[in-house]
Amino acid sequence: MSPLNQNSQKPHNDQKGKLNSYVLFSGIAIQMVVIICVGTFSGVKLDDYYPNDHNLFTLCFSLGSVILSIIFVIRRIIAASKES
């Protein structure tokens, strides 16, 4: 391959790498939202089934799902940085 062809390939690969990172991080964000929604929904349903004065299941499950999703995101970012 001539040097001219190698240079024309580089911008295409660079754009493809940016697109892959956008897809990766948007997928992580969607998974984070799903984890939080499932946790909150589970807490609401448990509060409906076991009524209490302060909606403790909703509070605990919401907080727990946020913490779980943050841990998930951190692990995925660390794994993605090791692949690069």
PDB file of N, CA and C in Angstrom:
ATOM      1  N   MET A   1       0.833  -1.176   0.000  1.00  0.00           N
ATOM      2  CA  MET A   1       0.000   0.000   0.000  1.00  0.00           C
ATOM      3  C   MET A   1       0.878   1.240   0.000  1.00  0.00           C
ATOM      4  N   SER A   2       0.501   2.223  -0.705  1.00  0.00           N
ATOM      5  CA  SER A   2       1.283   3.451  -0.745  1.00  0.00           C
ATOM      6  C   SER A   2       0.961   4.306   0.481  1.00  0.00           C
ATOM      7  N   PRO A   3       1.839   5.235   0.868  1.00  0.00           N
ATOM      8  CA  PRO A   3       1.589   6.097   2.023  1.00  0.00           C
ATOM      9  C   PRO A   3       0.315   6.921   1.884  1.00  0.00           C
ATOM     10  N   LEU A   4      -0.062   7.235   0.652  1.00  0.00           N
ATOM     11  CA  LEU A   4      -1.276   8.013   0.440  1.00  0.00           C
ATOM     12  C   LEU A   4      -2.506   7.229   0.885  1.00  0.00           C
ATOM     13  N   ASN A   5      -2.543   5.942   0.593  1.00  0.00           N
ATOM     14  CA  ASN A   5      -3.673   5.113   0.992  1.00  0.00           C
ATOM     15  C   ASN A   5      -3.730   4.923   2.508  1.00  0.00           C
ATOM     16  N   GLN A   6      -2.584   4.834   3.166  1.00  0.00           N
ATOM     17  CA  GLN A   6      -2.565   4.662   4.611  1.00  0.00           C
ATOM     18  C   GLN A   6      -3.141   5.892   5.305  1.00  0.00           C
ATOM     19  N   ASN A   7      -2.818   7.076   4.828  1.00  0.00           N
ATOM     20  CA  ASN A   7      -3.344   8.299   5.432  1.00  0.00           C
ATOM     21  C   ASN A   7      -4.843   8.438   5.219  1.00  0.00           C
ATOM     22  N   SER A   8      -5.350   7.954   4.093  1.00  0.00           N
ATOM     23  CA  SER A   8      -6.786   8.064   3.847  1.00  0.00           C
ATOM     24  C   SER A   8      -7.564   7.090   4.736  1.00  0.00           C
ATOM     25  N   GLN A   9      -6.949   6.033   5.180  1.00  0.00           N
ATOM     26  CA  GLN A   9      -7.601   5.066   6.052  1.00  0.00           C
ATOM     27  C   GLN A   9      -7.689   5.562   7.498  1.00  0.00           C
ATOM     28  N   LYS A  10      -6.731   6.358   7.930  1.00  0.00           N
ATOM     29  CA  LYS A  10      -6.660   6.779   9.325  1.00  0.00           C
ATOM     30  C   LYS A  10      -7.863   7.604   9.777  1.00  0.00           C
ATOM     31  N   PRO A  11      -8.320   8.629   9.048  1.00  0.00           N
ATOM     32  CA  PRO A  11      -9.496   9.373   9.499  1.00  0.00           C
ATOM     33  C   PRO A  11     -10.740   8.502   9.589  1.00  0.00           C
ATOM     34  N   HIS A  12     -10.867   7.553   8.676  1.00  0.00           N
ATOM     35  CA  HIS A  12     -12.023   6.653   8.717  1.00  0.00           C
ATOM     36  C   HIS A  12     -12.002   5.805   9.987  1.00  0.00           C
ATOM     37  N   ASN A  13     -10.838   5.271  10.345  1.00  0.00           N
ATOM     38  CA  ASN A  13     -10.714   4.473  11.568  1.00  0.00           C
ATOM     39  C   ASN A  13     -10.932   5.325  12.809  1.00  0.00           C
ATOM     40  N   ASP A  14     -10.466   6.577  12.763  1.00  0.00           N
ATOM     41  CA  ASP A  14     -10.648   7.477  13.896  1.00  0.00           C
ATOM     42  C   ASP A  14     -12.124   7.784  14.107  1.00  0.00           C
ATOM     43  N   GLN A  15     -12.864   8.003  13.031  1.00  0.00           N
ATOM     44  CA  GLN A  15     -14.298   8.253  13.135  1.00  0.00           C
ATOM     45  C   GLN A  15     -15.024   7.015  13.640  1.00  0.00           C
ATOM     46  N   LYS A  16     -14.582   5.866  13.192  1.00  0.00           N
ATOM     47  CA  LYS A  16     -15.201   4.618  13.629  1.00  0.00           C
ATOM     48  C   LYS A  16     -14.959   4.393  15.124  1.00  0.00           C
ATOM     49  N   GLY A  17     -13.772   4.740  15.611  1.00  0.00           N
ATOM     50  CA  GLY A  17     -13.471   4.619  17.032  1.00  0.00           C
ATOM     51  C   GLY A  17     -14.323   5.545  17.874  1.00  0.00           C
ATOM     52  N   LYS A  18     -14.554   6.770  17.388  1.00  0.00           N
ATOM     53  CA  LYS A  18     -15.427   7.701  18.103  1.00  0.00           C
ATOM     54  C   LYS A  18     -16.854   7.178  18.151  1.00  0.00           C
ATOM     55  N   LEU A  19     -17.323   6.633  17.030  1.00  0.00           N
ATOM     56  CA  LEU A  19     -18.670   6.082  16.985  1.00  0.00           C
ATOM     57  C   LEU A  19     -18.812   4.915  17.951  1.00  0.00           C
ATOM     58  N   ASN A  20     -17.802   4.044  18.000  1.00  0.00           N
ATOM     59  CA  ASN A  20     -17.840   2.914  18.926  1.00  0.00           C
ATOM     60  C   ASN A  20     -17.884   3.382  20.377  1.00  0.00           C
ATOM     61  N   SER A  21     -17.145   4.432  20.706  1.00  0.00           N
ATOM     62  CA  SER A  21     -17.174   4.926  22.086  1.00  0.00           C
ATOM     63  C   SER A  21     -18.526   5.550  22.413  1.00  0.00           C
ATOM     64  N   TYR A  22     -19.149   6.236  21.445  1.00  0.00           N
ATOM     65  CA  TYR A  22     -20.486   6.782  21.676  1.00  0.00           C
ATOM     66  C   TYR A  22     -21.495   5.668  21.919  1.00  0.00           C
ATOM     67  N   VAL A  23     -21.406   4.619  21.131  1.00  0.00           N
ATOM     68  CA  VAL A  23     -22.316   3.486  21.285  1.00  0.00           C
ATOM     69  C   VAL A  23     -22.096   2.817  22.639  1.00  0.00           C
ATOM     70  N   LEU A  24     -20.844   2.640  23.022  1.00  0.00           N
ATOM     71  CA  LEU A  24     -20.517   2.009  24.301  1.00  0.00           C
ATOM     72  C   LEU A  24     -21.088   2.803  25.462  1.00  0.00           C
ATOM     73  N   PHE A  25     -20.840   4.108  25.479  1.00  0.00           N
ATOM     74  CA  PHE A  25     -21.264   4.908  26.615  1.00  0.00           C
ATOM     75  C   PHE A  25     -22.770   5.161  26.617  1.00  0.00           C
ATOM     76  N   SER A  26     -23.399   5.224  25.464  1.00  0.00           N
ATOM     77  CA  SER A  26     -24.859   5.361  25.469  1.00  0.00           C
ATOM     78  C   SER A  26     -25.502   4.059  25.930  1.00  0.00           C
ATOM     79  N   GLY A  27     -24.900   2.929  25.588  1.00  0.00           N
ATOM     80  CA  GLY A  27     -25.406   1.645  26.089  1.00  0.00           C
ATOM     81  C   GLY A  27     -25.264   1.539  27.597  1.00  0.00           C
ATOM     82  N   ILE A  28     -24.151   2.029  28.128  1.00  0.00           N
ATOM     83  CA  ILE A  28     -23.950   2.034  29.572  1.00  0.00           C
ATOM     84  C   ILE A  28     -25.000   2.912  30.247  1.00  0.00           C
ATOM     85  N   ALA A  29     -25.292   4.069  29.656  1.00  0.00           N
ATOM     86  CA  ALA A  29     -26.289   4.976  30.237  1.00  0.00           C
ATOM     87  C   ALA A  29     -27.681   4.339  30.234  1.00  0.00           C
ATOM     88  N   ILE A  30     -28.023   3.665  29.156  1.00  0.00           N
ATOM     89  CA  ILE A  30     -29.324   2.996  29.086  1.00  0.00           C
ATOM     90  C   ILE A  30     -29.413   1.897  30.138  1.00  0.00           C
ATOM     91  N   GLN A  31     -28.346   1.123  30.307  1.00  0.00           N
ATOM     92  CA  GLN A  31     -28.352   0.067  31.318  1.00  0.00           C
ATOM     93  C   GLN A  31     -28.447   0.651  32.726  1.00  0.00           C
ATOM     94  N   MET A  32     -27.814   1.789  32.937  1.00  0.00           N
ATOM     95  CA  MET A  32     -27.887   2.453  34.238  1.00  0.00           C
ATOM     96  C   MET A  32     -29.330   2.868  34.541  1.00  0.00           C
ATOM     97  N   VAL A  33     -30.009   3.440  33.556  1.00  0.00           N
ATOM     98  CA  VAL A  33     -31.402   3.858  33.740  1.00  0.00           C
ATOM     99  C   VAL A  33     -32.289   2.646  33.998  1.00  0.00           C
ATOM    100  N   VAL A  34     -32.056   1.558  33.297  1.00  0.00           N
ATOM    101  CA  VAL A  34     -32.866   0.352  33.482  1.00  0.00           C
ATOM    102  C   VAL A  34     -32.677  -0.218  34.885  1.00  0.00           C
ATOM    103  N   ILE A  35     -31.452  -0.262  35.377  1.00  0.00           N
ATOM    104  CA  ILE A  35     -31.187  -0.773  36.729  1.00  0.00           C
ATOM    105  C   ILE A  35     -31.919   0.075  37.758  1.00  0.00           C
ATOM    106  N   ILE A  36     -31.861   1.388  37.623  1.00  0.00           N
ATOM    107  CA  ILE A  36     -32.521   2.275  38.580  1.00  0.00           C
ATOM    108  C   ILE A  36     -34.040   2.124  38.493  1.00  0.00           C
ATOM    109  N   CYS A  37     -34.577   2.011  37.282  1.00  0.00           N
ATOM    110  CA  CYS A  37     -36.026   1.855  37.128  1.00  0.00           C
ATOM    111  C   CYS A  37     -36.526   0.536  37.716  1.00  0.00           C
ATOM    112  N   VAL A  38     -35.794  -0.535  37.479  1.00  0.00           N
ATOM    113  CA  VAL A  38     -36.200  -1.837  38.027  1.00  0.00           C
ATOM    114  C   VAL A  38     -36.151  -1.812  39.553  1.00  0.00           C
ATOM    115  N   GLY A  39     -35.105  -1.230  40.121  1.00  0.00           N
ATOM    116  CA  GLY A  39     -35.007  -1.141  41.578  1.00  0.00           C
ATOM    117  C   GLY A  39     -36.116  -0.310  42.183  1.00  0.00           C
ATOM    118  N   THR A  40     -36.402   0.827  41.575  1.00  0.00           N
ATOM    119  CA  THR A  40     -37.458   1.694  42.088  1.00  0.00           C
ATOM    120  C   THR A  40     -38.823   1.035  41.942  1.00  0.00           C
ATOM    121  N   PHE A  41     -39.073   0.415  40.792  1.00  0.00           N
ATOM    122  CA  PHE A  41     -40.348  -0.272  40.575  1.00  0.00           C
ATOM    123  C   PHE A  41     -40.529  -1.404  41.581  1.00  0.00           C
ATOM    124  N   SER A  42     -39.459  -2.140  41.862  1.00  0.00           N
ATOM    125  CA  SER A  42     -39.541  -3.225  42.855  1.00  0.00           C
ATOM    126  C   SER A  42     -39.874  -2.658  44.233  1.00  0.00           C
ATOM    127  N   GLY A  43     -39.270  -1.541  44.595  1.00  0.00           N
ATOM    128  CA  GLY A  43     -39.554  -0.916  45.880  1.00  0.00           C
ATOM    129  C   GLY A  43     -40.986  -0.441  45.984  1.00  0.00           C
ATOM    130  N   VAL A  44     -41.507   0.130  44.916  1.00  0.00           N
ATOM    131  CA  VAL A  44     -42.907   0.596  44.920  1.00  0.00           C
ATOM    132  C   VAL A  44     -43.853  -0.582  45.064  1.00  0.00           C
ATOM    133  N   LYS A  45     -43.586  -1.654  44.341  1.00  0.00           N
ATOM    134  CA  LYS A  45     -44.461  -2.834  44.444  1.00  0.00           C
ATOM    135  C   LYS A  45     -44.395  -3.463  45.836  1.00  0.00           C
ATOM    136  N   LEU A  46     -43.212  -3.498  46.439  1.00  0.00           N
ATOM    137  CA  LEU A  46     -43.105  -4.030  47.796  1.00  0.00           C
ATOM    138  C   LEU A  46     -43.828  -3.127  48.798  1.00  0.00           C
ATOM    139  N   ASP A  47     -43.772  -1.820  48.597  1.00  0.00           N
ATOM    140  CA  ASP A  47     -44.511  -0.908  49.467  1.00  0.00           C
ATOM    141  C   ASP A  47     -46.015  -1.072  49.300  1.00  0.00           C
ATOM    142  N   ASP A  48     -46.460  -1.392  48.090  1.00  0.00           N
ATOM    143  CA  ASP A  48     -47.886  -1.674  47.892  1.00  0.00           C
ATOM    144  C   ASP A  48     -48.298  -2.960  48.590  1.00  0.00           C
ATOM    145  N   TYR A  49     -47.416  -3.959  48.543  1.00  0.00           N
ATOM    146  CA  TYR A  49     -47.728  -5.266  49.128  1.00  0.00           C
ATOM    147  C   TYR A  49     -47.585  -5.255  50.649  1.00  0.00           C
ATOM    148  N   TYR A  50     -46.570  -4.569  51.162  1.00  0.00           N
ATOM    149  CA  TYR A  50     -46.325  -4.433  52.599  1.00  0.00           C
ATOM    150  C   TYR A  50     -46.374  -2.946  52.971  1.00  0.00           C
ATOM    151  N   PRO A  51     -47.559  -2.400  53.178  1.00  0.00           N
ATOM    152  CA  PRO A  51     -47.658  -0.955  53.430  1.00  0.00           C
ATOM    153  C   PRO A  51     -46.933  -0.542  54.715  1.00  0.00           C
ATOM    154  N   ASN A  52     -46.310   0.659  54.662  1.00  0.00           N
ATOM    155  CA  ASN A  52     -45.685   1.250  55.836  1.00  0.00           C
ATOM    156  C   ASN A  52     -45.817   2.764  55.730  1.00  0.00           C
ATOM    157  N   ASP A  53     -45.464   3.460  56.783  1.00  0.00           N
ATOM    158  CA  ASP A  53     -45.688   4.909  56.832  1.00  0.00           C
ATOM    159  C   ASP A  53     -44.735   5.715  55.958  1.00  0.00           C
ATOM    160  N   HIS A  54     -43.531   5.250  55.764  1.00  0.00           N
ATOM    161  CA  HIS A  54     -42.504   6.066  55.117  1.00  0.00           C
ATOM    162  C   HIS A  54     -42.020   5.524  53.778  1.00  0.00           C
ATOM    163  N   ASN A  55     -42.702   4.557  53.201  1.00  0.00           N
ATOM    164  CA  ASN A  55     -42.288   3.960  51.922  1.00  0.00           C
ATOM    165  C   ASN A  55     -40.821   3.530  51.956  1.00  0.00           C
ATOM    166  N   LEU A  56     -40.475   2.773  52.962  1.00  0.00           N
ATOM    167  CA  LEU A  56     -39.078   2.386  53.169  1.00  0.00           C
ATOM    168  C   LEU A  56     -38.534   1.494  52.060  1.00  0.00           C
ATOM    169  N   PHE A  57     -39.367   0.620  51.529  1.00  0.00           N
ATOM    170  CA  PHE A  57     -38.882  -0.252  50.454  1.00  0.00           C
ATOM    171  C   PHE A  57     -38.507   0.566  49.224  1.00  0.00           C
ATOM    172  N   THR A  58     -39.326   1.549  48.891  1.00  0.00           N
ATOM    173  CA  THR A  58     -39.019   2.394  47.741  1.00  0.00           C
ATOM    174  C   THR A  58     -37.721   3.159  47.965  1.00  0.00           C
ATOM    175  N   LEU A  59     -37.565   3.723  49.146  1.00  0.00           N
ATOM    176  CA  LEU A  59     -36.346   4.466  49.453  1.00  0.00           C
ATOM    177  C   LEU A  59     -35.115   3.563  49.398  1.00  0.00           C
ATOM    178  N   CYS A  60     -35.190   2.422  50.043  1.00  0.00           N
ATOM    179  CA  CYS A  60     -34.034   1.517  50.103  1.00  0.00           C
ATOM    180  C   CYS A  60     -33.688   0.941  48.732  1.00  0.00           C
ATOM    181  N   PHE A  61     -34.706   0.502  47.999  1.00  0.00           N
ATOM    182  CA  PHE A  61     -34.441  -0.094  46.697  1.00  0.00           C
ATOM    183  C   PHE A  61     -33.975   0.954  45.694  1.00  0.00           C
ATOM    184  N   SER A  62     -34.509   2.171  45.786  1.00  0.00           N
ATOM    185  CA  SER A  62     -34.046   3.234  44.889  1.00  0.00           C
ATOM    186  C   SER A  62     -32.582   3.566  45.162  1.00  0.00           C
ATOM    187  N   LEU A  63     -32.255   3.762  46.422  1.00  0.00           N
ATOM    188  CA  LEU A  63     -30.871   4.072  46.781  1.00  0.00           C
ATOM    189  C   LEU A  63     -29.940   2.914  46.425  1.00  0.00           C
ATOM    190  N   GLY A  64     -30.375   1.712  46.712  1.00  0.00           N
ATOM    191  CA  GLY A  64     -29.563   0.535  46.384  1.00  0.00           C
ATOM    192  C   GLY A  64     -29.343   0.381  44.887  1.00  0.00           C
ATOM    193  N   SER A  65     -30.371   0.653  44.096  1.00  0.00           N
ATOM    194  CA  SER A  65     -30.210   0.519  42.645  1.00  0.00           C
ATOM    195  C   SER A  65     -29.321   1.617  42.077  1.00  0.00           C
ATOM    196  N   VAL A  66     -29.340   2.815  42.652  1.00  0.00           N
ATOM    197  CA  VAL A  66     -28.440   3.874  42.202  1.00  0.00           C
ATOM    198  C   VAL A  66     -26.993   3.482  42.506  1.00  0.00           C
ATOM    199  N   ILE A  67     -26.749   2.986  43.704  1.00  0.00           N
ATOM    200  CA  ILE A  67     -25.397   2.551  44.077  1.00  0.00           C
ATOM    201  C   ILE A  67     -24.946   1.400  43.183  1.00  0.00           C
ATOM    202  N   LEU A  68     -25.834   0.454  42.942  1.00  0.00           N
ATOM    203  CA  LEU A  68     -25.516  -0.684  42.082  1.00  0.00           C
ATOM    204  C   LEU A  68     -25.206  -0.230  40.657  1.00  0.00           C
ATOM    205  N   SER A  69     -25.965   0.709  40.144  1.00  0.00           N
ATOM    206  CA  SER A  69     -25.716   1.176  38.778  1.00  0.00           C
ATOM    207  C   SER A  69     -24.402   1.951  38.675  1.00  0.00           C
ATOM    208  N   ILE A  70     -24.050   2.705  39.708  1.00  0.00           N
ATOM    209  CA  ILE A  70     -22.772   3.425  39.704  1.00  0.00           C
ATOM    210  C   ILE A  70     -21.611   2.430  39.714  1.00  0.00           C
ATOM    211  N   ILE A  71     -21.718   1.390  40.530  1.00  0.00           N
ATOM    212  CA  ILE A  71     -20.686   0.345  40.557  1.00  0.00           C
ATOM    213  C   ILE A  71     -20.579  -0.319  39.184  1.00  0.00           C
ATOM    214  N   PHE A  72     -21.719  -0.589  38.571  1.00  0.00           N
ATOM    215  CA  PHE A  72     -21.742  -1.203  37.245  1.00  0.00           C
ATOM    216  C   PHE A  72     -21.043  -0.322  36.223  1.00  0.00           C
ATOM    217  N   VAL A  73     -21.340   0.970  36.241  1.00  0.00           N
ATOM    218  CA  VAL A  73     -20.735   1.904  35.286  1.00  0.00           C
ATOM    219  C   VAL A  73     -19.228   1.992  35.499  1.00  0.00           C
ATOM    220  N   ILE A  74     -18.796   2.064  36.738  1.00  0.00           N
ATOM    221  CA  ILE A  74     -17.359   2.147  37.021  1.00  0.00           C
ATOM    222  C   ILE A  74     -16.637   0.899  36.509  1.00  0.00           C
ATOM    223  N   ARG A  75     -17.226  -0.266  36.748  1.00  0.00           N
ATOM    224  CA  ARG A  75     -16.594  -1.505  36.265  1.00  0.00           C
ATOM    225  C   ARG A  75     -16.536  -1.562  34.753  1.00  0.00           C
ATOM    226  N   ARG A  76     -17.598  -1.118  34.081  1.00  0.00           N
ATOM    227  CA  ARG A  76     -17.606  -1.130  32.619  1.00  0.00           C
ATOM    228  C   ARG A  76     -16.583  -0.158  32.042  1.00  0.00           C
ATOM    229  N   ILE A  77     -16.446   1.009  32.663  1.00  0.00           N
ATOM    230  CA  ILE A  77     -15.471   1.993  32.174  1.00  0.00           C
ATOM    231  C   ILE A  77     -14.057   1.486  32.370  1.00  0.00           C
ATOM    232  N   ILE A  78     -13.804   0.863  33.516  1.00  0.00           N
ATOM    233  CA  ILE A  78     -12.470   0.303  33.761  1.00  0.00           C
ATOM    234  C   ILE A  78     -12.169  -0.801  32.763  1.00  0.00           C
ATOM    235  N   ALA A  79     -13.148  -1.659  32.499  1.00  0.00           N
ATOM    236  CA  ALA A  79     -12.940  -2.735  31.510  1.00  0.00           C
ATOM    237  C   ALA A  79     -12.715  -2.172  30.111  1.00  0.00           C
ATOM    238  N   ALA A  80     -13.443  -1.119  29.773  1.00  0.00           N
ATOM    239  CA  ALA A  80     -13.275  -0.514  28.440  1.00  0.00           C
ATOM    240  C   ALA A  80     -11.908   0.156  28.309  1.00  0.00           C
ATOM    241  N   SER A  81     -11.423   0.754  29.375  1.00  0.00           N
ATOM    242  CA  SER A  81     -10.110   1.406  29.306  1.00  0.00           C
ATOM    243  C   SER A  81      -8.988   0.384  29.225  1.00  0.00           C
ATOM    244  N   LYS A  82      -9.170  -0.800  29.795  1.00  0.00           N
ATOM    245  CA  LYS A  82      -8.153  -1.844  29.694  1.00  0.00           C
ATOM    246  C   LYS A  82      -8.104  -2.442  28.289  1.00  0.00           C
ATOM    247  N   GLU A  83      -9.246  -2.441  27.589  1.00  0.00           N
ATOM    248  CA  GLU A  83      -9.289  -2.975  26.225  1.00  0.00           C
ATOM    249  C   GLU A  83      -8.576  -2.058  25.248  1.00  0.00           C
ATOM    250  N   SER A  84      -8.589  -0.775  25.513  1.00  0.00           N
ATOM    251  CA  SER A  84      -7.990   0.200  24.580  1.00  0.00           C
ATOM    252  C   SER A  84      -6.501   0.217  24.632  1.00  0.00           C
TER     253      SER A  84
END
